Amino acid sequence: MVFGHPTEPRHREALTITARTEEAIAAVLRRDERLGEADAAMLARVVSAVMFLAMAASVNAAASVDGILCDIRGQRAALLPC
């Protein structure tokens, strides 16, 4: 997803999924009245990057889905405390 030409079918599909995911995250973040549209979109990109790196990191290759989700939740909590 990081490398390749955006017109390649699989690459384009991955970018589309990423964009939809970021839109969904931004929609949730906008529920916080303190965040404007631009801030929610930027934070959604950061959360998306955290998710991608957690899923793609070689250190997590043997991790369970629950373990990866726990890692993502921990990083999200550090970034966006409740």
C-alpha atoms as a PDB file:
ATOM      1  CA  MET A   1       0.000   0.000   0.000  1.00  0.00           C
ATOM      2  CA  VAL A   2       2.900   2.340   0.661  1.00  0.00           C
ATOM      3  CA  PHE A   3       4.633   1.724  -2.655  1.00  0.00           C
ATOM      4  CA  GLY A   4       3.241   1.335  -6.125  1.00  0.00           C
ATOM      5  CA  HIS A   5       1.279   3.399  -8.542  1.00  0.00           C
ATOM      6  CA  PRO A   6      -2.192   4.528  -7.411  1.00  0.00           C
ATOM      7  CA  THR A   7      -3.699   3.423 -10.731  1.00  0.00           C
ATOM      8  CA  GLU A   8      -2.725  -0.213 -10.167  1.00  0.00           C
ATOM      9  CA  PRO A   9      -5.972  -2.049  -9.272  1.00  0.00           C
ATOM     10  CA  ARG A  10      -4.918  -3.508  -5.917  1.00  0.00           C
ATOM     11  CA  HIS A  11      -3.121  -0.350  -4.902  1.00  0.00           C
ATOM     12  CA  ARG A  12      -6.180   1.729  -5.802  1.00  0.00           C
ATOM     13  CA  GLU A  13      -8.423  -0.625  -3.779  1.00  0.00           C
ATOM     14  CA  ALA A  14      -6.160  -0.302  -0.738  1.00  0.00           C
ATOM     15  CA  LEU A  15      -6.149   3.480  -1.008  1.00  0.00           C
ATOM     16  CA  THR A  16      -9.939   3.495  -1.321  1.00  0.00           C
ATOM     17  CA  ILE A  17     -10.310   1.353   1.808  1.00  0.00           C
ATOM     18  CA  THR A  18      -7.908   3.644   3.650  1.00  0.00           C
ATOM     19  CA  ALA A  19      -9.835   6.753   2.606  1.00  0.00           C
ATOM     20  CA  ARG A  20     -13.152   5.229   3.724  1.00  0.00           C
ATOM     21  CA  THR A  21     -11.629   4.187   7.031  1.00  0.00           C
ATOM     22  CA  GLU A  22     -10.265   7.673   7.624  1.00  0.00           C
ATOM     23  CA  GLU A  23     -13.658   9.188   6.785  1.00  0.00           C
ATOM     24  CA  ALA A  24     -15.335   6.883   9.323  1.00  0.00           C
ATOM     25  CA  ILE A  25     -12.768   7.715  12.003  1.00  0.00           C
ATOM     26  CA  ALA A  26     -13.152  11.448  11.308  1.00  0.00           C
ATOM     27  CA  ALA A  27     -16.937  11.129  11.640  1.00  0.00           C
ATOM     28  CA  VAL A  28     -16.504   9.608  15.090  1.00  0.00           C
ATOM     29  CA  LEU A  29     -13.969  12.250  16.089  1.00  0.00           C
ATOM     30  CA  ARG A  30     -16.297  15.049  14.990  1.00  0.00           C
ATOM     31  CA  ARG A  31     -18.703  13.958  17.726  1.00  0.00           C
ATOM     32  CA  ASP A  32     -16.331  15.824  20.023  1.00  0.00           C
ATOM     33  CA  GLU A  33     -17.528  19.400  19.663  1.00  0.00           C
ATOM     34  CA  ARG A  34     -14.029  20.680  20.434  1.00  0.00           C
ATOM     35  CA  LEU A  35     -12.736  19.294  17.134  1.00  0.00           C
ATOM     36  CA  GLY A  36     -13.326  21.052  13.872  1.00  0.00           C
ATOM     37  CA  GLU A  37     -13.474  19.375  10.473  1.00  0.00           C
ATOM     38  CA  ALA A  38      -9.773  19.874   9.704  1.00  0.00           C
ATOM     39  CA  ASP A  39      -8.601  18.633  13.111  1.00  0.00           C
ATOM     40  CA  ALA A  40     -10.834  15.558  12.926  1.00  0.00           C
ATOM     41  CA  ALA A  41      -9.531  14.744   9.444  1.00  0.00           C
ATOM     42  CA  MET A  42      -5.898  15.166  10.520  1.00  0.00           C
ATOM     43  CA  LEU A  43      -6.340  13.030  13.627  1.00  0.00           C
ATOM     44  CA  ALA A  44      -8.122  10.398  11.535  1.00  0.00           C
ATOM     45  CA  ARG A  45      -5.055  10.202   9.282  1.00  0.00           C
ATOM     46  CA  VAL A  46      -2.845   9.719  12.328  1.00  0.00           C
ATOM     47  CA  VAL A  47      -5.080   6.981  13.744  1.00  0.00           C
ATOM     48  CA  SER A  48      -5.145   5.323  10.319  1.00  0.00           C
ATOM     49  CA  ALA A  49      -1.338   5.399  10.206  1.00  0.00           C
ATOM     50  CA  VAL A  50      -1.158   3.840  13.680  1.00  0.00           C
ATOM     51  CA  MET A  51      -3.501   1.076  12.540  1.00  0.00           C
ATOM     52  CA  PHE A  52      -1.528   0.425   9.358  1.00  0.00           C
ATOM     53  CA  LEU A  53       1.822   0.277  11.126  1.00  0.00           C
ATOM     54  CA  ALA A  54       0.482  -1.961  13.884  1.00  0.00           C
ATOM     55  CA  MET A  55      -0.886  -4.405  11.313  1.00  0.00           C
ATOM     56  CA  ALA A  56       2.171  -4.260   9.039  1.00  0.00           C
ATOM     57  CA  ALA A  57       4.983  -4.233  11.600  1.00  0.00           C
ATOM     58  CA  SER A  58       7.195  -7.302  11.466  1.00  0.00           C
ATOM     59  CA  VAL A  59       7.354  -7.256  15.258  1.00  0.00           C
ATOM     60  CA  ASN A  60       3.622  -8.068  15.249  1.00  0.00           C
ATOM     61  CA  ALA A  61       3.853 -10.867  12.667  1.00  0.00           C
ATOM     62  CA  ALA A  62       3.190 -13.531  15.284  1.00  0.00           C
ATOM     63  CA  ALA A  63       0.748 -11.422  17.298  1.00  0.00           C
ATOM     64  CA  SER A  64      -2.884 -12.398  17.576  1.00  0.00           C
ATOM     65  CA  VAL A  65      -5.644 -10.172  16.272  1.00  0.00           C
ATOM     66  CA  ASP A  66      -6.539  -9.371  19.881  1.00  0.00           C
ATOM     67  CA  GLY A  67      -2.921  -8.453  20.582  1.00  0.00           C
ATOM     68  CA  ILE A  68      -2.770  -6.105  17.615  1.00  0.00           C
ATOM     69  CA  LEU A  69      -6.095  -4.531  18.595  1.00  0.00           C
ATOM     70  CA  CYS A  70      -4.783  -4.027  22.119  1.00  0.00           C
ATOM     71  CA  ASP A  71      -1.685  -2.326  20.700  1.00  0.00           C
ATOM     72  CA  ILE A  72      -3.824  -0.058  18.495  1.00  0.00           C
ATOM     73  CA  ARG A  73      -6.110   0.804  21.420  1.00  0.00           C
ATOM     74  CA  GLY A  74      -3.107   1.688  23.585  1.00  0.00           C
ATOM     75  CA  GLN A  75      -1.640   3.966  20.953  1.00  0.00           C
ATOM     76  CA  ARG A  76      -5.030   5.557  20.316  1.00  0.00           C
ATOM     77  CA  ALA A  77      -5.445   6.202  24.039  1.00  0.00           C
ATOM     78  CA  ALA A  78      -2.025   7.882  24.166  1.00  0.00           C
ATOM     79  CA  LEU A  79      -2.971  10.060  21.202  1.00  0.00           C
ATOM     80  CA  LEU A  80      -6.610  10.769  22.057  1.00  0.00           C
ATOM     81  CA  PRO A  81      -7.180  10.407  25.784  1.00  0.00           C
ATOM     82  CA  CYS A  82     -10.837  10.130  26.741  1.00  0.00           C
END
